[in-house]
Amino acid sequence: MKLSKTDYRGGEALRISTRAIELVVPTTLGPRVTSLRSHRGRAGNLFLELPADEQRYHGYFLRGGHRLWHSPEDIVRTYQPDDAPPALQVLARGVSLIQPVEKLTGLQKGLRLEVLGERTVKVTHTLTNRGAWAVTCAPWALTMFPAGGYGVLSLPPKGDHARGDLLPTYALVPWTFTDLSQPAWQPRCDHIGIEVAKARSAQKLGITSYPGWSAYWRKGTAFVKYAAPIAGATYPDLGSCFEVFTNGNMLELETLGPLAPLAPGKATSHVEYWTVLDGLPKPASDAVFARTLAPAVRRWLATLP
């Protein structure tokens, strides 16, 4: 791993590089990851980069990239700005960033990035309650991607009714604005595809149990994130441990930690693992998914600690 200084919108940032990937982490705001690139891929920055002159959304700059929120979503609590410099600590294989305490919530966000090998990044999201009373919340990790690609939500393995599989194993959770008739939604045997360019309006879908991984394919490279669901845990949004959002201009892959009261002085953490897989065809059919993306992800998952 190599650590070097770079720039983000006129402010200081750090570049974390290996022979395979490069990440950019601002040090004047956040905690955020604003860029992830594969040295072999053709997609450039795999993460969305919103214009520098974007307008605040409920007082918040979305910016793009990867961020940490706390769920359930609330128009005031969720959109607390992250414009101040976080406390930075350089680690042996990455960095740790801890933002100032949010004044209106008493919560403090932390992001720890650790490079494992050449292509794997461990991302630990932490919420700490610095307030005077308990806050019921869940860590919520969101990664934004530009249009022009194809999202993948992996589904639990299929059972066999004839062999006694009689009970449900997961549920899909739609929002009030979710329209499953839109061509953006492409249900397949072992995954749900999201054709971002075909979304005619904002669309969102949650799932209560899944194999833990999702992906976004663009220009031959797939970004994959994995966060293991915790059996028996209570999750927000009718039990959703994963959510996907698109509006036709971008896509978000969102993983969530358990929903629980966070006592004063206590912290809760949520871990994701990231990788990039190059040279893959678009996994928009059952056959291509089963032949290319799915086995490549399984091989990668087998390497995780």
Protein backbone atom coordinates (compact mmCIF):
# COMPACT_ATOMS: atom_id res chain seq x y z
CA MET A 1 0.00 0.00 0.00
CA LYS A 2 1.16 3.54 -0.82
CA LEU A 3 -0.20 6.68 0.83
CA SER A 4 0.24 10.08 -0.82
CA LYS A 5 -1.30 13.55 -0.78
CA THR A 6 -3.72 14.73 -3.42
CA ASP A 7 -6.50 17.30 -3.88
CA TYR A 8 -10.27 17.19 -3.54
CA ARG A 9 -12.14 20.33 -4.66
CA GLY A 10 -9.30 22.58 -3.59
CA GLY A 11 -8.84 20.89 -0.21
CA GLU A 12 -6.37 18.31 1.00
CA ALA A 13 -7.00 14.62 0.49
CA LEU A 14 -5.13 11.32 0.71
CA ARG A 15 -4.63 8.82 -2.09
CA ILE A 16 -4.44 5.16 -1.01
CA SER A 17 -2.93 3.00 -3.75
CA THR A 18 -2.03 -0.60 -4.44
CA ARG A 19 -0.95 -2.17 -7.71
CA ALA A 20 -4.62 -2.84 -8.49
CA ILE A 21 -6.74 -0.02 -7.04
CA GLU A 22 -6.68 3.61 -5.90
CA LEU A 23 -8.93 5.38 -3.38
CA VAL A 24 -9.21 9.09 -2.59
CA VAL A 25 -10.20 10.19 0.93
CA PRO A 26 -10.72 13.92 1.71
CA THR A 27 -9.19 15.16 4.94
CA THR A 28 -11.00 18.53 5.08
CA LEU A 29 -14.53 17.08 5.27
CA GLY A 30 -16.30 13.81 5.81
CA PRO A 31 -15.64 11.04 6.61
CA ARG A 32 -15.96 10.21 2.91
CA VAL A 33 -14.41 8.15 0.14
CA THR A 34 -14.80 10.19 -3.04
CA SER A 35 -13.05 7.97 -5.58
CA LEU A 36 -12.24 4.33 -6.24
CA ARG A 37 -10.43 3.32 -9.42
CA SER A 38 -9.17 0.09 -10.88
CA HIS A 39 -5.81 0.45 -12.57
CA ARG A 40 -6.84 -2.20 -15.14
CA GLY A 41 -10.38 -1.02 -15.77
CA ARG A 42 -11.77 1.47 -18.30
CA ALA A 43 -14.44 3.04 -16.09
CA GLY A 44 -12.31 5.68 -14.38
CA ASN A 45 -13.74 6.64 -11.01
CA LEU A 46 -16.26 3.92 -10.22
CA PHE A 47 -17.98 6.23 -7.73
CA LEU A 48 -20.32 9.08 -8.64
CA GLU A 49 -18.82 12.58 -8.58
CA LEU A 50 -21.46 15.30 -8.29
CA PRO A 51 -20.59 18.79 -9.60
CA ALA A 52 -18.68 21.04 -7.23
CA ASP A 53 -21.45 23.65 -7.54
CA GLU A 54 -24.23 21.26 -6.46
CA GLN A 55 -26.96 22.72 -4.27
CA ARG A 56 -27.42 21.52 -0.71
CA TYR A 57 -30.12 18.88 -0.26
CA HIS A 58 -31.93 19.61 3.01
CA GLY A 59 -28.75 21.40 4.11
CA TYR A 60 -26.47 18.54 3.04
CA PHE A 61 -23.96 18.23 0.19
CA LEU A 62 -24.36 14.74 -1.29
CA ARG A 63 -21.04 15.09 -3.19
CA GLY A 64 -21.14 11.46 -4.32
CA GLY A 65 -18.79 8.64 -3.38
CA HIS A 66 -19.22 6.67 -0.17
CA ARG A 67 -20.63 8.05 3.08
CA LEU A 68 -21.97 7.01 6.48
CA TRP A 69 -25.44 7.95 7.70
CA HIS A 70 -27.62 6.73 10.55
CA SER A 71 -30.99 5.10 9.92
CA PRO A 72 -34.02 5.39 10.07
CA GLU A 73 -34.00 8.25 7.60
CA ASP A 74 -35.24 11.57 8.96
CA ILE A 75 -35.37 14.86 7.12
CA VAL A 76 -33.46 16.63 9.92
CA ARG A 77 -31.40 14.00 11.73
CA THR A 78 -30.10 12.17 8.67
CA TYR A 79 -29.02 15.24 6.70
CA GLN A 80 -26.59 16.72 9.20
CA PRO A 81 -23.67 18.29 7.26
CA ASP A 82 -20.25 16.66 7.24
CA ASP A 83 -18.38 19.77 6.11
CA ALA A 84 -15.82 19.96 8.95
CA PRO A 85 -12.38 18.28 8.91
CA PRO A 86 -12.39 14.84 10.59
CA ALA A 87 -9.66 13.72 12.99
CA LEU A 88 -7.18 11.74 10.90
CA GLN A 89 -5.04 8.80 11.97
CA VAL A 90 -2.72 7.03 9.56
CA LEU A 91 -2.75 3.25 10.03
CA ALA A 92 -0.33 0.57 8.90
CA ARG A 93 -2.67 -0.41 6.03
CA GLY A 94 -4.96 2.60 5.70
CA VAL A 95 -6.52 5.50 7.57
CA SER A 96 -9.08 6.30 10.26
CA LEU A 97 -11.30 9.39 10.10
CA ILE A 98 -13.57 10.58 12.92
CA GLN A 99 -15.83 13.57 12.38
CA PRO A 100 -16.77 16.15 15.03
CA VAL A 101 -19.88 15.35 17.06
CA GLU A 102 -23.10 16.26 15.29
CA LYS A 103 -24.60 19.07 17.38
CA LEU A 104 -28.25 18.18 16.78
CA THR A 105 -27.92 14.40 17.29
CA GLY A 106 -25.00 13.91 19.69
CA LEU A 107 -23.70 11.20 17.33
CA GLN A 108 -20.14 10.98 16.02
CA LYS A 109 -19.32 9.17 12.78
CA GLY A 110 -16.11 7.28 12.14
CA LEU A 111 -14.71 5.56 9.05
CA ARG A 112 -11.75 3.17 9.08
CA LEU A 113 -10.26 2.02 5.76
CA GLU A 114 -7.84 -0.90 5.72
CA VAL A 115 -6.34 -2.36 2.54
CA LEU A 116 -6.17 -6.17 2.59
CA GLY A 117 -4.01 -7.45 -0.24
CA GLU A 118 -4.11 -5.73 -3.63
CA ARG A 119 -7.86 -5.66 -4.31
CA THR A 120 -9.75 -5.81 -1.01
CA VAL A 121 -10.66 -2.93 1.28
CA LYS A 122 -12.17 -3.40 4.73
CA VAL A 123 -14.41 -0.47 5.66
CA THR A 124 -15.48 -0.14 9.30
CA HIS A 125 -18.28 2.35 9.96
CA THR A 126 -18.74 3.49 13.56
CA LEU A 127 -21.43 5.53 15.31
CA THR A 128 -20.65 6.76 18.83
CA ASN A 129 -23.23 8.40 21.05
CA ARG A 130 -21.67 11.48 22.67
CA GLY A 131 -25.02 12.78 23.88
CA ALA A 132 -26.84 12.59 27.20
CA TRP A 133 -29.52 10.05 26.28
CA ALA A 134 -29.90 6.86 24.27
CA VAL A 135 -30.49 7.15 20.52
CA THR A 136 -32.16 4.34 18.58
CA CYS A 137 -30.32 4.12 15.27
CA ALA A 138 -28.49 1.86 12.84
CA PRO A 139 -25.27 2.44 10.88
CA TRP A 140 -26.12 3.04 7.23
CA ALA A 141 -23.35 2.76 4.60
CA LEU A 142 -24.17 4.24 1.19
CA THR A 143 -22.11 4.07 -2.01
CA MET A 144 -23.12 6.18 -5.02
CA PHE A 145 -22.41 5.25 -8.65
CA PRO A 146 -22.87 7.14 -11.93
CA ALA A 147 -25.44 6.21 -14.55
CA GLY A 148 -24.54 3.96 -17.45
CA GLY A 149 -24.17 0.74 -15.47
CA TYR A 150 -26.07 -2.22 -14.11
CA GLY A 151 -26.77 -2.90 -10.43
CA VAL A 152 -26.91 -6.40 -8.95
CA LEU A 153 -28.67 -7.48 -5.76
CA SER A 154 -27.83 -11.12 -5.07
CA LEU A 155 -30.70 -13.30 -3.82
CA PRO A 156 -30.70 -16.17 -1.31
CA PRO A 157 -30.21 -19.65 -2.77
CA LYS A 158 -33.28 -21.40 -4.11
CA GLY A 159 -35.02 -24.18 -2.19
CA ASP A 160 -37.24 -27.06 -3.29
CA HIS A 161 -40.91 -27.18 -2.38
CA ALA A 162 -41.09 -30.89 -3.09
CA ARG A 163 -38.34 -31.53 -0.54
CA GLY A 164 -40.14 -29.65 2.21
CA ASP A 165 -39.13 -26.00 1.82
CA LEU A 166 -42.47 -24.64 2.97
CA LEU A 167 -41.62 -21.39 4.81
CA PRO A 168 -40.40 -18.02 3.46
CA THR A 169 -36.79 -16.99 3.95
CA TYR A 170 -36.83 -13.27 3.05
CA ALA A 171 -39.06 -10.38 2.05
CA LEU A 172 -38.71 -7.52 -0.42
CA VAL A 173 -39.54 -4.07 0.98
CA PRO A 174 -40.87 -1.42 -1.44
CA TRP A 175 -41.22 2.30 -0.72
CA THR A 176 -44.35 4.34 -1.49
CA PHE A 177 -42.76 5.52 -4.76
CA THR A 178 -41.44 2.09 -5.82
CA ASP A 179 -42.91 0.96 -9.15
CA LEU A 180 -41.88 -2.59 -9.95
CA SER A 181 -43.43 -2.29 -13.42
CA GLN A 182 -40.64 0.08 -14.47
CA PRO A 183 -38.07 -1.55 -16.78
CA ALA A 184 -35.27 -0.55 -14.40
CA TRP A 185 -36.21 -3.57 -12.26
CA GLN A 186 -35.06 -6.82 -13.84
CA PRO A 187 -35.83 -9.84 -11.60
CA ARG A 188 -33.70 -12.88 -12.44
CA CYS A 189 -33.36 -16.34 -10.91
CA ASP A 190 -30.52 -15.58 -8.50
CA HIS A 191 -30.38 -11.78 -8.53
CA ILE A 192 -32.37 -8.63 -9.10
CA GLY A 193 -30.85 -6.44 -11.78
CA ILE A 194 -31.19 -2.67 -11.84
CA GLU A 195 -30.84 -1.05 -15.27
CA VAL A 196 -30.18 2.48 -14.08
CA ALA A 197 -30.84 4.24 -17.40
CA LYS A 198 -34.36 2.76 -17.54
CA ALA A 199 -35.54 4.26 -14.25
CA ARG A 200 -38.17 6.90 -15.07
CA SER A 201 -38.40 8.21 -11.49
CA ALA A 202 -36.93 7.62 -8.03
CA GLN A 203 -37.01 3.93 -7.14
CA LYS A 204 -36.03 2.08 -3.96
CA LEU A 205 -36.18 -1.50 -2.74
CA GLY A 206 -35.05 -3.21 0.47
CA ILE A 207 -34.49 -6.85 1.31
CA THR A 208 -34.59 -8.57 4.70
CA SER A 209 -32.06 -11.33 4.00
CA TYR A 210 -29.57 -11.96 1.19
CA PRO A 211 -26.11 -13.50 0.65
CA GLY A 212 -24.52 -10.23 1.79
CA TRP A 213 -23.13 -8.99 -1.51
CA SER A 214 -24.20 -6.55 -4.17
CA ALA A 215 -22.43 -5.13 -7.20
CA TYR A 216 -22.39 -2.37 -9.78
CA TRP A 217 -21.09 -3.19 -13.25
CA ARG A 218 -19.88 -0.47 -15.61
CA LYS A 219 -17.61 -0.62 -18.66
CA GLY A 220 -16.35 -4.12 -17.90
CA THR A 221 -15.56 -3.58 -14.21
CA ALA A 222 -17.73 -4.67 -11.30
CA PHE A 223 -17.49 -3.01 -7.89
CA VAL A 224 -18.58 -5.51 -5.22
CA LYS A 225 -19.42 -4.79 -1.60
CA TYR A 226 -20.13 -7.38 1.09
CA ALA A 227 -21.65 -6.95 4.53
CA ALA A 228 -22.78 -10.07 6.34
CA PRO A 229 -26.38 -9.87 7.65
CA ILE A 230 -26.66 -10.77 11.34
CA ALA A 231 -29.13 -13.57 12.00
CA GLY A 232 -31.85 -12.62 14.47
CA ALA A 233 -30.96 -8.91 14.49
CA THR A 234 -33.57 -6.18 14.14
CA TYR A 235 -33.04 -3.97 11.10
CA PRO A 236 -34.69 -0.66 10.16
CA ASP A 237 -37.17 -0.08 7.35
CA LEU A 238 -39.34 -3.18 7.99
CA GLY A 239 -36.26 -5.33 8.55
CA SER A 240 -34.09 -4.27 5.61
CA CYS A 241 -30.41 -5.16 5.90
CA PHE A 242 -29.79 -3.92 2.34
CA GLU A 243 -31.39 -1.25 0.16
CA VAL A 244 -30.89 -0.06 -3.41
CA PHE A 245 -31.92 3.33 -4.77
CA THR A 246 -31.87 4.82 -8.25
CA ASN A 247 -33.41 7.80 -10.00
CA GLY A 248 -32.07 7.18 -13.49
CA ASN A 249 -29.07 9.46 -12.95
CA MET A 250 -27.24 7.40 -10.36
CA LEU A 251 -27.49 4.28 -8.20
CA GLU A 252 -26.85 3.68 -4.50
CA LEU A 253 -25.95 0.35 -2.90
CA GLU A 254 -26.77 0.66 0.80
CA THR A 255 -25.99 -1.77 3.61
CA LEU A 256 -27.33 -1.37 7.14
CA GLY A 257 -26.38 -2.51 10.61
CA PRO A 258 -28.85 -3.61 13.31
CA LEU A 259 -31.30 -1.10 14.74
CA ALA A 260 -30.95 -0.73 18.51
CA PRO A 261 -30.76 1.89 21.29
CA LEU A 262 -27.25 3.35 21.52
CA ALA A 263 -26.56 4.39 25.10
CA PRO A 264 -24.50 7.50 25.94
CA GLY A 265 -20.79 6.79 25.54
CA LYS A 266 -21.40 3.58 23.57
CA ALA A 267 -20.50 2.82 19.96
CA THR A 268 -21.80 0.50 17.26
CA SER A 269 -19.88 -0.66 14.18
CA HIS A 270 -20.80 -1.98 10.75
CA VAL A 271 -18.22 -3.60 8.43
CA GLU A 272 -18.18 -3.77 4.65
CA TYR A 273 -15.60 -5.37 2.35
CA TRP A 274 -14.99 -3.94 -1.15
CA THR A 275 -13.31 -5.24 -4.27
CA VAL A 276 -13.20 -4.57 -8.02
CA LEU A 277 -13.40 -7.30 -10.66
CA ASP A 278 -12.19 -6.38 -14.15
CA GLY A 279 -12.87 -7.85 -17.57
CA LEU A 280 -16.41 -9.07 -16.92
CA PRO A 281 -19.37 -8.92 -19.32
CA LYS A 282 -22.56 -7.22 -18.24
CA PRO A 283 -24.30 -9.70 -15.88
CA ALA A 284 -27.80 -8.88 -17.10
CA SER A 285 -28.92 -12.45 -17.85
CA ASP A 286 -29.12 -15.56 -15.69
CA ALA A 287 -26.53 -17.31 -17.83
CA VAL A 288 -23.94 -14.50 -17.77
CA PHE A 289 -24.46 -13.90 -14.05
CA ALA A 290 -24.02 -17.60 -13.24
CA ARG A 291 -21.00 -18.02 -15.53
CA THR A 292 -19.01 -14.88 -14.72
CA LEU A 293 -19.92 -12.54 -11.86
CA ALA A 294 -21.29 -15.04 -9.32
CA PRO A 295 -18.29 -17.43 -9.36
CA ALA A 296 -15.83 -14.51 -9.33
CA VAL A 297 -17.54 -13.11 -6.24
CA ARG A 298 -17.56 -16.52 -4.54
CA ARG A 299 -13.81 -16.85 -5.11
CA TRP A 300 -13.27 -13.39 -3.62
CA LEU A 301 -15.49 -14.07 -0.60
CA ALA A 302 -13.45 -17.18 0.14
CA THR A 303 -10.38 -14.94 0.67
CA LEU A 304 -12.00 -12.71 3.31
CA PRO A 305 -11.00 -13.05 6.96
